[in-house]
């Protein structure tokens, strides 16, 4: 059975957690393939909101296997908090949550280094979540990381102290105050909790399950425009957020990929620094932020808001090989008399459809306007019952991208989802 991939097509925060939760009944396994506790996957059901950072979004479905893949970086302290907040006992969760031996660990000193680096950059800071993600991935690529499988080594404490000493040596170059002890206690408690879960070579497990005909959904974090290679570098995350990242982040071959589900909001948002051509720095942008509760699930920071950017969406579809589109938060645009969509960019007086290499390029979005809709759509469950102008908006996106929109979200609850 081929493995399907679900990922974000914008700058993250598209609503991946909700869709994984909604699709989960059709799958046997959900596997996260990259990122770390900088991700915030929000799910809402029974009028209760849940936010996951490391654990796959299928965890709320008993009987489903959840896998934290090798492409992640794990903060044991965050893992501990997340497990404790889920509700079920550790024994129950341990039966359906497996950790890759090859997932790297975020050390307490990684968080301190993250803050030190960001402070040193001053006005050029990228807007890091300060969770230690970048320094952990730096150690991974520099072949200096600690991995989850290492915690089973009787000499793990000595390994930790060696890595800690190396980081402290770097920190001496920064005029930066820190207290490592406030991080270490919870970190080591998290290490002990992780030992209660299955820690194994999940690449073997996933490929065995695939051969057995199990349906597997690979879950991404952040979004395509934050990819370390293809995003708006350097204002990006530290991992590969695209479909190819599922191969390296889980140990699956490109030939074993089935559907690629691309999630996007009916508008655009971005957290942190970096280019955002359609950003609205006016009352309209503020209204979208307020209606959409656009504040980071991980950081609480207000998100920058703007109209849908089709050049960026088409780029993300191309890079990922998207087969189906899922549109989120369409209900937030209810009440706008006119909906604007960026169809191309004007750069140096010329129209172009490609994203420029230069982040400092003076980009003027070229907009196409469509009539809005005023109806409250949160209670609608059939596509044919949606307002005509919303259906025209979706049709325009399909025409412009060449990819069908097969899921339309009309509210935060797992049931507020229309399957076409």
Protein backbone atom coordinates (compact mmCIF):
# COMPACT_ATOMS: atom_id res chain seq x y z
CA UNK A 1 0.00 0.00 0.00
CA UNK A 2 1.43 3.39 -1.03
CA UNK A 3 1.93 6.06 1.64
CA UNK A 4 -0.04 9.32 1.38
CA UNK A 5 1.48 12.66 2.42
CA UNK A 6 -0.27 15.62 3.98
CA UNK A 7 1.54 18.94 4.18
CA UNK A 8 1.14 22.71 4.23
CA UNK A 9 1.46 24.83 1.10
CA UNK A 10 1.93 28.26 2.68
CA UNK A 11 3.92 29.56 5.65
CA UNK A 12 2.53 27.01 8.11
CA UNK A 13 -0.53 27.24 10.37
CA UNK A 14 -2.78 26.01 7.55
CA UNK A 15 -4.77 23.63 9.75
CA UNK A 16 -2.94 20.33 9.18
CA UNK A 17 -3.83 18.97 12.62
CA UNK A 18 -7.56 19.29 12.01
CA UNK A 19 -7.38 17.56 8.63
CA UNK A 20 -5.22 14.69 9.90
CA UNK A 21 -7.76 14.21 12.67
CA UNK A 22 -10.61 14.25 10.14
CA UNK A 23 -8.88 11.79 7.77
CA UNK A 24 -7.65 9.48 10.51
CA UNK A 25 -10.57 7.00 10.37
CA UNK A 26 -9.40 6.01 6.87
CA UNK A 27 -5.81 5.28 7.98
CA UNK A 28 -4.05 2.76 10.20
CA UNK A 29 -0.91 4.80 10.88
CA UNK A 30 -0.03 8.51 11.17
CA UNK A 31 3.68 9.37 11.01
CA UNK A 32 5.24 12.82 11.53
CA UNK A 33 8.25 13.32 9.29
CA UNK A 34 9.95 16.61 10.24
CA UNK A 35 10.06 19.63 12.51
CA UNK A 36 9.88 19.75 16.27
CA UNK A 37 8.17 21.64 19.08
CA UNK A 38 8.12 24.78 16.91
CA UNK A 39 5.07 23.18 15.25
CA UNK A 40 1.62 23.75 16.70
CA UNK A 41 -1.09 21.51 15.29
CA UNK A 42 -4.49 22.62 16.60
CA UNK A 43 -7.47 20.27 16.76
CA UNK A 44 -10.92 20.98 18.12
CA UNK A 45 -13.71 18.55 18.95
CA UNK A 46 -16.46 18.46 21.57
CA UNK A 47 -15.82 22.22 21.99
CA UNK A 48 -12.34 21.53 23.36
CA UNK A 49 -9.18 22.79 21.64
CA UNK A 50 -6.04 20.63 21.67
CA UNK A 51 -2.57 21.72 20.50
CA UNK A 52 0.09 19.17 19.56
CA UNK A 53 3.75 20.00 19.00
CA UNK A 54 5.58 16.70 18.56
CA UNK A 55 3.01 13.94 18.68
CA UNK A 56 1.20 13.03 15.43
CA UNK A 57 -2.34 14.32 15.11
CA UNK A 58 -3.80 10.81 14.96
CA UNK A 59 -3.18 10.29 18.68
CA UNK A 60 -6.81 11.06 19.60
CA UNK A 61 -8.03 8.00 17.69
CA UNK A 62 -7.68 4.78 19.72
CA UNK A 63 -6.47 1.88 17.64
CA UNK A 64 -4.37 4.08 15.34
CA UNK A 65 -0.58 3.77 15.43
CA UNK A 66 1.36 7.05 15.67
CA UNK A 67 5.04 7.35 14.76
CA UNK A 68 7.52 10.14 15.47
CA UNK A 69 9.93 9.78 12.55
CA UNK A 70 13.67 10.20 12.26
CA UNK A 71 13.27 13.61 10.60
CA UNK A 72 12.09 15.24 13.84
CA UNK A 73 14.02 16.91 16.62
CA UNK A 74 12.56 16.11 20.04
CA UNK A 75 12.70 18.17 23.22
CA UNK A 76 12.11 15.59 26.01
CA UNK A 77 10.67 18.26 28.33
CA UNK A 78 8.08 19.26 25.71
CA UNK A 79 7.35 15.59 25.04
CA UNK A 80 6.67 15.04 28.74
CA UNK A 81 4.27 18.00 28.97
CA UNK A 82 2.45 16.91 25.84
CA UNK A 83 2.00 13.34 27.06
CA UNK A 84 0.71 14.55 30.44
CA UNK A 85 -1.79 16.91 28.78
CA UNK A 86 -3.28 14.28 26.49
CA UNK A 87 -5.33 12.57 29.21
CA UNK A 88 -4.88 8.82 28.65
CA UNK A 89 -2.35 6.97 30.81
CA UNK A 90 1.26 6.59 29.74
CA UNK A 91 0.71 2.83 29.50
CA UNK A 92 -2.17 3.30 27.04
CA UNK A 93 -0.33 5.87 24.93
CA UNK A 94 2.81 3.72 24.88
CA UNK A 95 0.81 1.08 23.06
CA UNK A 96 0.15 3.36 20.08
CA UNK A 97 3.04 5.84 19.96
CA UNK A 98 6.49 4.85 18.68
CA UNK A 99 9.66 6.95 18.52
CA UNK A 100 12.40 6.61 15.93
CA UNK A 101 15.85 5.77 17.25
CA UNK A 102 17.23 8.26 14.72
CA UNK A 103 15.21 11.32 15.74
CA UNK A 104 17.60 13.91 17.16
CA UNK A 105 17.31 15.41 20.63
CA UNK A 106 17.00 19.09 21.45
CA UNK A 107 19.30 19.72 24.41
CA UNK A 108 18.73 22.47 26.98
CA UNK A 109 21.80 24.22 25.57
CA UNK A 110 20.23 24.19 22.11
CA UNK A 111 17.45 26.44 23.43
CA UNK A 112 20.00 28.78 24.99
CA UNK A 113 22.03 28.87 21.78
CA UNK A 114 18.86 29.66 19.82
CA UNK A 115 18.17 32.69 22.01
CA UNK A 116 21.82 33.79 21.84
CA UNK A 117 21.98 33.57 18.06
CA UNK A 118 18.71 35.47 17.64
CA UNK A 119 19.81 38.23 20.01
CA UNK A 120 23.14 38.55 18.21
CA UNK A 121 21.36 39.10 14.86
CA UNK A 122 19.53 42.14 16.20
CA UNK A 123 17.31 43.69 13.51
CA UNK A 124 18.22 40.85 11.13
CA UNK A 125 16.64 38.17 13.34
CA UNK A 126 14.46 35.64 11.53
CA UNK A 127 11.75 35.40 14.17
CA UNK A 128 12.79 32.06 15.66
CA UNK A 129 10.40 30.35 18.09
CA UNK A 130 13.45 29.96 20.41
CA UNK A 131 12.68 26.27 20.89
CA UNK A 132 16.22 25.16 19.97
CA UNK A 133 15.16 23.81 16.58
CA UNK A 134 17.84 25.47 14.44
CA UNK A 135 20.81 24.61 16.71
CA UNK A 136 19.60 20.99 16.99
CA UNK A 137 19.39 20.61 13.21
CA UNK A 138 22.79 22.35 12.93
CA UNK A 139 24.33 19.70 15.18
CA UNK A 140 22.57 17.00 13.15
CA UNK A 141 24.04 18.18 9.85
CA UNK A 142 27.38 18.84 11.56
CA UNK A 143 27.43 15.21 12.76
CA UNK A 144 27.51 16.31 16.37
CA UNK A 145 24.00 15.41 17.53
CA UNK A 146 22.48 13.14 20.14
CA UNK A 147 19.69 10.85 18.97
CA UNK A 148 16.74 9.24 20.68
CA UNK A 149 18.37 5.82 20.46
CA UNK A 150 21.28 7.17 22.51
CA UNK A 151 19.11 7.49 25.62
CA UNK A 152 19.14 3.68 25.89
CA UNK A 153 22.95 3.75 26.21
CA UNK A 154 24.08 3.19 29.85
CA UNK A 155 26.66 5.95 29.31
CA UNK A 156 24.11 8.48 28.05
CA UNK A 157 24.75 10.97 30.86
CA UNK A 158 28.42 11.19 29.88
CA UNK A 159 27.42 11.71 26.24
CA UNK A 160 25.11 14.50 27.31
CA UNK A 161 27.80 16.24 29.37
CA UNK A 162 30.22 16.13 26.41
CA UNK A 163 27.70 17.83 24.14
CA UNK A 164 26.74 20.31 26.84
CA UNK A 165 30.41 21.30 27.33
CA UNK A 166 30.80 21.91 23.60
CA UNK A 167 27.75 24.20 23.57
CA UNK A 168 28.90 26.09 26.67
CA UNK A 169 32.21 26.76 24.94
CA UNK A 170 30.30 28.39 22.05
CA UNK A 171 28.13 30.40 24.42
CA UNK A 172 31.19 31.99 25.99
CA UNK A 173 31.51 34.01 22.79
CA UNK A 174 28.15 35.69 23.45
CA UNK A 175 27.35 38.33 26.05
CA UNK A 176 24.30 36.41 27.13
CA UNK A 177 22.93 35.45 30.54
CA UNK A 178 21.30 32.07 31.01
CA UNK A 179 20.37 29.51 33.64
CA UNK A 180 20.74 26.00 32.26
CA UNK A 181 19.55 24.31 35.45
CA UNK A 182 16.00 25.58 34.98
CA UNK A 183 15.83 23.53 31.77
CA UNK A 184 17.73 20.41 32.81
CA UNK A 185 15.43 19.01 35.49
CA UNK A 186 12.38 18.77 33.23
CA UNK A 187 14.58 17.61 30.36
CA UNK A 188 15.89 14.57 32.22
CA UNK A 189 12.40 13.78 33.51
CA UNK A 190 11.34 13.75 29.87
CA UNK A 191 14.18 11.39 28.99
CA UNK A 192 12.96 8.91 31.60
CA UNK A 193 9.41 9.16 30.26
CA UNK A 194 10.58 8.55 26.69
CA UNK A 195 12.14 5.26 27.82
CA UNK A 196 8.63 3.97 28.60
CA UNK A 197 7.73 4.14 24.90
CA UNK A 198 8.85 1.93 22.04
CA UNK A 199 12.05 3.30 20.53
CA UNK A 200 12.99 1.48 17.35
CA UNK A 201 14.17 1.78 13.78
CA UNK A 202 10.86 3.06 12.44
CA UNK A 203 12.00 3.02 8.81
CA UNK A 204 11.85 -0.79 8.94
CA UNK A 205 8.51 -0.70 10.72
CA UNK A 206 6.88 1.68 8.24
CA UNK A 207 8.04 -0.27 5.22
CA UNK A 208 6.83 -3.54 6.76
CA UNK A 209 3.43 -2.01 7.50
CA UNK A 210 3.22 -0.67 3.96
CA UNK A 211 3.96 -4.12 2.51
CA UNK A 212 1.27 -5.57 4.77
CA UNK A 213 -1.28 -3.26 3.15
CA UNK A 214 -1.67 -0.86 6.08
CA UNK A 215 -2.80 2.65 5.15
CA UNK A 216 -0.21 5.21 6.26
CA UNK A 217 -0.50 9.00 6.34
CA UNK A 218 2.73 11.00 6.55
CA UNK A 219 2.12 14.27 8.43
CA UNK A 220 4.25 17.35 7.80
CA UNK A 221 4.76 20.43 9.93
CA UNK A 222 5.19 24.14 9.09
CA UNK A 223 4.66 24.82 5.36
CA UNK A 224 6.31 24.70 1.94
CA UNK A 225 7.26 28.38 1.98
CA UNK A 226 9.28 27.71 5.15
CA UNK A 227 11.27 24.85 3.59
CA UNK A 228 15.00 25.20 4.23
CA UNK A 229 15.76 24.87 0.50
CA UNK A 230 12.70 26.19 -1.31
CA UNK A 231 11.23 28.67 1.18
CA UNK A 232 12.03 32.37 1.57
CA UNK A 233 15.54 31.68 2.89
CA UNK A 234 16.87 32.62 5.45
CA UNK A 235 13.40 33.31 6.90
CA UNK A 236 12.62 29.61 6.99
CA UNK A 237 12.60 26.64 9.34
CA UNK A 238 15.53 24.22 9.59
CA UNK A 239 14.02 21.12 7.98
CA UNK A 240 12.60 19.93 4.68
CA UNK A 241 8.87 20.64 4.88
CA UNK A 242 8.06 19.40 1.37
CA UNK A 243 6.95 15.97 0.13
CA UNK A 244 10.55 14.90 -0.48
CA UNK A 245 11.10 15.48 3.24
CA UNK A 246 8.73 12.61 3.97
CA UNK A 247 11.12 10.25 2.21
CA UNK A 248 14.16 11.35 4.20
CA UNK A 249 12.17 11.96 7.39
CA UNK A 250 10.59 8.51 7.50
CA UNK A 251 12.82 6.29 5.38
CA UNK A 252 10.35 5.65 2.57
CA UNK A 253 11.14 5.57 -1.14
CA UNK A 254 9.73 8.07 -3.68
CA UNK A 255 8.16 5.13 -5.50
CA UNK A 256 6.10 4.34 -2.41
CA UNK A 257 4.32 7.70 -2.32
CA UNK A 258 0.61 7.77 -3.20
CA UNK A 259 -1.51 10.90 -2.86
CA UNK A 260 0.01 14.24 -1.86
CA UNK A 261 -2.58 16.32 -0.02
CA UNK A 262 -1.78 20.04 0.01
CA UNK A 263 -3.45 22.22 2.64
CA UNK A 264 -3.91 25.96 2.26
CA UNK A 265 -5.97 28.68 3.89
CA UNK A 266 -8.52 30.64 1.88
CA UNK A 267 -6.19 33.57 2.61
CA UNK A 268 -2.55 33.76 3.74
CA UNK A 269 -0.82 34.16 7.09
CA UNK A 270 2.76 34.26 8.24
CA UNK A 271 4.47 34.34 11.64
CA UNK A 272 7.88 35.96 12.05
CA UNK A 273 10.04 37.90 9.62
CA UNK A 274 10.40 37.47 5.88
CA UNK A 275 8.73 38.47 2.60
CA UNK A 276 4.93 38.36 2.40
CA UNK A 277 3.76 40.00 -0.87
CA UNK A 278 0.02 40.04 -0.11
CA UNK A 279 0.28 41.17 3.52
CA UNK A 280 -2.49 43.56 4.60
CA UNK A 281 -1.28 46.16 7.07
CA UNK A 282 -4.70 47.76 7.33
CA UNK A 283 -8.13 47.24 8.88
CA UNK A 284 -8.86 44.35 6.50
CA UNK A 285 -5.77 42.49 7.67
CA UNK A 286 -6.69 43.15 11.29
CA UNK A 287 -10.25 41.94 10.68
CA UNK A 288 -8.98 38.66 9.15
CA UNK A 289 -6.66 38.22 12.15
CA UNK A 290 -9.49 38.81 14.61
CA UNK A 291 -12.06 36.63 12.82
CA UNK A 292 -9.56 33.84 12.24
CA UNK A 293 -7.99 33.99 15.73
CA UNK A 294 -4.69 34.25 13.94
CA UNK A 295 -2.23 33.88 16.78
CA UNK A 296 0.53 31.27 16.84
CA UNK A 297 -0.44 27.96 18.46
CA UNK A 298 3.14 27.57 19.72
CA UNK A 299 4.23 31.15 20.43
CA UNK A 300 0.98 33.11 20.74
CA UNK A 301 2.43 35.73 18.39
CA UNK A 302 -0.06 37.58 16.14
CA UNK A 303 0.12 36.28 12.60
CA UNK A 304 0.56 38.59 9.64
CA UNK A 305 -2.49 38.28 7.38
CA UNK A 306 -3.13 38.86 3.69
CA UNK A 307 -5.01 37.76 0.58
CA UNK A 308 -4.39 34.42 -1.13
CA UNK A 309 -1.12 34.34 -3.10
CA UNK A 310 -1.58 32.14 -6.19
CA UNK A 311 2.02 32.37 -7.50
CA UNK A 312 3.22 31.00 -4.14
CA UNK A 313 0.45 28.36 -4.13
CA UNK A 314 1.27 27.20 -7.66
CA UNK A 315 4.95 27.03 -6.72
CA UNK A 316 4.16 24.86 -3.69
CA UNK A 317 1.95 22.56 -5.79
CA UNK A 318 4.78 22.14 -8.31
CA UNK A 319 7.48 21.44 -5.71
CA UNK A 320 5.37 18.89 -3.85
CA UNK A 321 3.56 17.15 -6.70
CA UNK A 322 0.22 17.89 -5.03
CA UNK A 323 -2.66 15.69 -6.20
CA UNK A 324 -5.50 17.14 -4.09
CA UNK A 325 -6.07 20.52 -2.43
CA UNK A 326 -7.74 21.07 0.94
CA UNK A 327 -8.97 24.62 1.62
CA UNK A 328 -9.15 25.72 5.24
CA UNK A 329 -10.86 28.61 7.05
CA UNK A 330 -13.20 29.52 4.22
CA UNK A 331 -15.67 30.64 6.91
CA UNK A 332 -13.37 33.50 7.91
CA UNK A 333 -13.94 35.23 4.56
CA UNK A 334 -17.71 35.34 5.04
CA UNK A 335 -18.86 38.94 5.21
CA UNK A 336 -16.30 40.46 2.85
CA UNK A 337 -18.01 42.26 -0.03
CA UNK A 338 -15.01 41.65 -2.29
CA UNK A 339 -12.36 38.92 -2.19
CA UNK A 340 -8.99 39.67 -3.76
CA UNK A 341 -6.56 37.06 -5.07
CA UNK A 342 -2.99 37.71 -6.16
CA UNK A 343 -2.53 36.14 -9.61
CA UNK A 344 0.97 37.43 -10.44
CA UNK A 345 3.68 39.83 -9.26
CA UNK A 346 4.78 43.12 -10.77
CA UNK A 347 8.57 43.47 -10.36
CA UNK A 348 10.50 46.34 -11.93
CA UNK A 349 7.41 47.20 -13.96
CA UNK A 350 6.97 43.72 -15.44
CA UNK A 351 4.46 41.02 -14.59
CA UNK A 352 5.83 37.64 -13.62
CA UNK A 353 4.40 34.49 -12.11
CA UNK A 354 7.61 33.18 -10.53
CA UNK A 355 8.84 33.88 -7.01
CA UNK A 356 12.03 35.96 -7.18
CA UNK A 357 15.26 34.77 -5.56
CA UNK A 358 15.84 38.16 -3.93
CA UNK A 359 13.87 38.54 -0.70
CA UNK A 360 14.33 42.30 -0.96
CA UNK A 361 12.76 42.55 -4.40
CA UNK A 362 10.10 45.26 -4.63
CA UNK A 363 7.04 43.12 -5.35
CA UNK A 364 3.66 44.59 -6.19
CA UNK A 365 0.92 41.94 -6.15
CA UNK A 366 -1.43 41.94 -9.15
CA UNK A 367 -4.93 41.22 -7.91
CA UNK A 368 -8.05 39.66 -9.38
CA UNK A 369 -11.30 40.55 -7.61
CA UNK A 370 -14.25 38.27 -6.98
CA UNK A 371 -17.59 38.94 -5.31
CA UNK A 372 -17.73 37.87 -1.68
CA UNK A 373 -20.50 36.19 0.31
CA UNK A 374 -22.28 37.16 3.49
CA UNK A 375 -23.80 33.86 4.64
CA UNK A 376 -22.71 32.03 7.79
CA UNK A 377 -21.37 28.75 6.41
CA UNK A 378 -20.23 27.05 9.63
CA UNK A 379 -23.26 24.75 9.74
CA UNK A 380 -23.10 23.66 6.08
CA UNK A 381 -22.01 20.07 5.39
CA UNK A 382 -22.72 19.71 1.66
CA UNK A 383 -20.67 21.45 -1.03
CA UNK A 384 -23.78 22.21 -3.08
CA UNK A 385 -25.20 24.18 -0.14
CA UNK A 386 -22.27 26.60 -0.01
CA UNK A 387 -22.90 30.16 -1.24
CA UNK A 388 -22.57 30.48 -5.00
CA UNK A 389 -19.79 33.07 -4.71
CA UNK A 390 -17.74 30.81 -2.46
CA UNK A 391 -18.13 27.99 -4.99
CA UNK A 392 -16.98 30.43 -7.70
CA UNK A 393 -13.96 31.34 -5.55
CA UNK A 394 -13.05 27.66 -5.19
CA UNK A 395 -13.60 27.12 -8.92
CA UNK A 396 -11.26 30.03 -9.71
CA UNK A 397 -8.53 28.49 -7.53
CA UNK A 398 -8.97 25.12 -9.25
CA UNK A 399 -8.79 26.79 -12.66
CA UNK A 400 -5.64 28.69 -11.74
CA UNK A 401 -3.83 25.71 -10.17
CA UNK A 402 -5.15 22.76 -12.18
CA UNK A 403 -5.70 20.78 -8.97
CA UNK A 404 -9.13 19.88 -7.48
CA UNK A 405 -10.16 21.22 -4.07
CA UNK A 406 -11.59 18.10 -2.42
CA UNK A 407 -11.96 19.28 1.19
CA UNK A 408 -13.42 22.59 2.33
CA UNK A 409 -13.23 23.49 6.01
CA UNK A 410 -16.06 25.70 7.27
CA UNK A 411 -15.16 25.88 10.98
CA UNK A 412 -12.65 24.73 13.62
CA UNK A 413 -14.48 21.61 14.79
CA UNK A 414 -13.56 18.25 13.23
CA UNK A 415 -17.15 17.92 11.96
CA UNK A 416 -17.07 21.29 10.18
CA UNK A 417 -15.44 19.66 7.17
CA UNK A 418 -16.94 19.17 3.71
CA UNK A 419 -15.63 16.22 1.68
CA UNK A 420 -16.28 16.54 -2.04
